[in-house]
């Protein structure tokens, strides 16, 4: 079995550039020292390479989102405020463990 795909979207409270995710089942995971009312939302980069589309997947506290089935594409995160020591990842969920 290979390790699940992990795409870092926020590293130490710094937003990362959009990164490719191959699609399929995924969760958004996140931890922060303090959230300060901040939320992180998963975004899909549009076909023009400039426009971002917000998904319904958000985090507002340490934890894991519900499983979502995402199309292949480039993903990033946006934030609604400021947090400290935040790390947010888009994590593939293995569906075939054979």
C-alpha atoms as a PDB file:
ATOM      1  CA  UNK A   1       0.000   0.000   0.000  1.00  0.00           C
ATOM      2  CA  UNK A   2       1.306   3.444  -0.838  1.00  0.00           C
ATOM      3  CA  UNK A   3       0.929   6.483   1.382  1.00  0.00           C
ATOM      4  CA  UNK A   4      -2.186   8.582   0.742  1.00  0.00           C
ATOM      5  CA  UNK A   5      -1.757  11.775  -1.247  1.00  0.00           C
ATOM      6  CA  UNK A   6      -1.404  14.825   0.971  1.00  0.00           C
ATOM      7  CA  UNK A   7      -1.575  18.362  -0.494  1.00  0.00           C
ATOM      8  CA  UNK A   8      -0.478  21.125   1.945  1.00  0.00           C
ATOM      9  CA  UNK A   9      -2.708  24.187   1.502  1.00  0.00           C
ATOM     10  CA  UNK A  10      -1.678  26.220   4.569  1.00  0.00           C
ATOM     11  CA  UNK A  11       1.740  25.913   6.237  1.00  0.00           C
ATOM     12  CA  UNK A  12       2.314  27.767   9.516  1.00  0.00           C
ATOM     13  CA  UNK A  13      -0.613  30.103   8.682  1.00  0.00           C
ATOM     14  CA  UNK A  14       0.765  30.936   5.197  1.00  0.00           C
ATOM     15  CA  UNK A  15      -1.504  30.121   2.243  1.00  0.00           C
ATOM     16  CA  UNK A  16       0.164  27.932  -0.395  1.00  0.00           C
ATOM     17  CA  UNK A  17      -0.213  28.317  -4.155  1.00  0.00           C
ATOM     18  CA  UNK A  18      -2.823  26.146  -5.866  1.00  0.00           C
ATOM     19  CA  UNK A  19      -1.624  22.543  -6.151  1.00  0.00           C
ATOM     20  CA  UNK A  20      -2.826  19.621  -8.261  1.00  0.00           C
ATOM     21  CA  UNK A  21      -5.093  16.978  -6.713  1.00  0.00           C
ATOM     22  CA  UNK A  22      -5.967  13.954  -8.904  1.00  0.00           C
ATOM     23  CA  UNK A  23      -9.579  13.831  -7.744  1.00  0.00           C
ATOM     24  CA  UNK A  24     -11.573  11.263  -5.835  1.00  0.00           C
ATOM     25  CA  UNK A  25     -12.485  10.878  -2.187  1.00  0.00           C
ATOM     26  CA  UNK A  26     -10.800  13.440   0.062  1.00  0.00           C
ATOM     27  CA  UNK A  27     -10.968  15.235   3.407  1.00  0.00           C
ATOM     28  CA  UNK A  28      -9.725  18.620   4.526  1.00  0.00           C
ATOM     29  CA  UNK A  29      -7.654  18.365   7.721  1.00  0.00           C
ATOM     30  CA  UNK A  30      -6.449  21.229   9.859  1.00  0.00           C
ATOM     31  CA  UNK A  31      -4.894  22.233  13.143  1.00  0.00           C
ATOM     32  CA  UNK A  32      -3.970  25.642  14.557  1.00  0.00           C
ATOM     33  CA  UNK A  33      -2.597  26.999  17.800  1.00  0.00           C
ATOM     34  CA  UNK A  34      -5.378  29.603  17.800  1.00  0.00           C
ATOM     35  CA  UNK A  35      -8.220  29.967  15.279  1.00  0.00           C
ATOM     36  CA  UNK A  36      -9.388  33.465  16.378  1.00  0.00           C
ATOM     37  CA  UNK A  37     -12.724  32.875  14.616  1.00  0.00           C
ATOM     38  CA  UNK A  38     -10.916  32.185  11.321  1.00  0.00           C
ATOM     39  CA  UNK A  39     -12.188  29.676   8.771  1.00  0.00           C
ATOM     40  CA  UNK A  40     -10.405  28.018   5.853  1.00  0.00           C
ATOM     41  CA  UNK A  41     -12.342  27.179   2.692  1.00  0.00           C
ATOM     42  CA  UNK A  42     -11.233  24.781  -0.044  1.00  0.00           C
ATOM     43  CA  UNK A  43     -11.200  26.363  -3.522  1.00  0.00           C
ATOM     44  CA  UNK A  44     -10.924  24.894  -7.023  1.00  0.00           C
ATOM     45  CA  UNK A  45      -8.980  26.834  -9.658  1.00  0.00           C
ATOM     46  CA  UNK A  46     -11.097  27.448 -12.748  1.00  0.00           C
ATOM     47  CA  UNK A  47     -10.218  26.495 -16.338  1.00  0.00           C
ATOM     48  CA  UNK A  48      -8.873  30.002 -17.059  1.00  0.00           C
ATOM     49  CA  UNK A  49      -6.141  29.480 -14.428  1.00  0.00           C
ATOM     50  CA  UNK A  50      -7.173  32.668 -12.591  1.00  0.00           C
ATOM     51  CA  UNK A  51     -10.692  32.295 -11.215  1.00  0.00           C
ATOM     52  CA  UNK A  52     -11.215  30.315  -8.008  1.00  0.00           C
ATOM     53  CA  UNK A  53     -14.466  28.607  -7.061  1.00  0.00           C
ATOM     54  CA  UNK A  54     -15.244  28.108  -3.381  1.00  0.00           C
ATOM     55  CA  UNK A  55     -16.376  24.628  -2.413  1.00  0.00           C
ATOM     56  CA  UNK A  56     -18.709  23.838   0.490  1.00  0.00           C
ATOM     57  CA  UNK A  57     -15.772  22.377   2.444  1.00  0.00           C
ATOM     58  CA  UNK A  58     -14.599  24.557   5.329  1.00  0.00           C
ATOM     59  CA  UNK A  59     -12.800  24.182   8.653  1.00  0.00           C
ATOM     60  CA  UNK A  60     -13.261  26.473  11.661  1.00  0.00           C
ATOM     61  CA  UNK A  61     -11.566  24.357  14.346  1.00  0.00           C
ATOM     62  CA  UNK A  62      -9.007  21.582  14.681  1.00  0.00           C
ATOM     63  CA  UNK A  63     -10.312  18.504  12.919  1.00  0.00           C
ATOM     64  CA  UNK A  64     -11.302  16.733   9.740  1.00  0.00           C
ATOM     65  CA  UNK A  65     -14.066  17.594   7.277  1.00  0.00           C
ATOM     66  CA  UNK A  66     -16.603  15.119   5.983  1.00  0.00           C
ATOM     67  CA  UNK A  67     -15.488  13.023   3.007  1.00  0.00           C
ATOM     68  CA  UNK A  68     -16.006  14.825  -0.306  1.00  0.00           C
ATOM     69  CA  UNK A  69     -15.666  13.510  -3.852  1.00  0.00           C
ATOM     70  CA  UNK A  70     -13.643  16.051  -5.795  1.00  0.00           C
ATOM     71  CA  UNK A  71     -12.845  16.409  -9.496  1.00  0.00           C
ATOM     72  CA  UNK A  72      -9.220  16.517 -10.592  1.00  0.00           C
ATOM     73  CA  UNK A  73      -7.786  20.014 -10.602  1.00  0.00           C
ATOM     74  CA  UNK A  74      -5.731  22.594  -8.773  1.00  0.00           C
ATOM     75  CA  UNK A  75      -6.878  23.400  -5.241  1.00  0.00           C
ATOM     76  CA  UNK A  76      -6.039  26.140  -2.757  1.00  0.00           C
ATOM     77  CA  UNK A  77      -7.452  27.538   0.472  1.00  0.00           C
ATOM     78  CA  UNK A  78      -8.776  30.948   1.434  1.00  0.00           C
ATOM     79  CA  UNK A  79      -9.173  32.282   4.941  1.00  0.00           C
ATOM     80  CA  UNK A  80     -11.747  34.545   6.559  1.00  0.00           C
ATOM     81  CA  UNK A  81      -9.508  35.993   9.275  1.00  0.00           C
ATOM     82  CA  UNK A  82      -6.216  35.262  10.984  1.00  0.00           C
ATOM     83  CA  UNK A  83      -5.036  32.231  12.891  1.00  0.00           C
ATOM     84  CA  UNK A  84      -1.669  31.300  14.339  1.00  0.00           C
ATOM     85  CA  UNK A  85       0.304  28.131  13.703  1.00  0.00           C
ATOM     86  CA  UNK A  86      -2.268  26.812  11.222  1.00  0.00           C
ATOM     87  CA  UNK A  87      -1.690  23.801   8.973  1.00  0.00           C
ATOM     88  CA  UNK A  88      -4.392  22.718   6.517  1.00  0.00           C
ATOM     89  CA  UNK A  89      -4.058  19.782   4.100  1.00  0.00           C
ATOM     90  CA  UNK A  90      -6.185  18.208   1.405  1.00  0.00           C
ATOM     91  CA  UNK A  91      -5.865  14.479   2.054  1.00  0.00           C
ATOM     92  CA  UNK A  92      -6.863  11.685  -0.320  1.00  0.00           C
ATOM     93  CA  UNK A  93      -8.945   8.901   1.221  1.00  0.00           C
ATOM     94  CA  UNK A  94      -7.830   5.461  -0.015  1.00  0.00           C
ATOM     95  CA  UNK A  95     -10.711   3.526  -1.547  1.00  0.00           C
ATOM     96  CA  UNK A  96      -8.890   0.351  -2.599  1.00  0.00           C
ATOM     97  CA  UNK A  97      -6.543  -1.144  -0.025  1.00  0.00           C
ATOM     98  CA  UNK A  98      -5.693  -4.322  -1.941  1.00  0.00           C
END
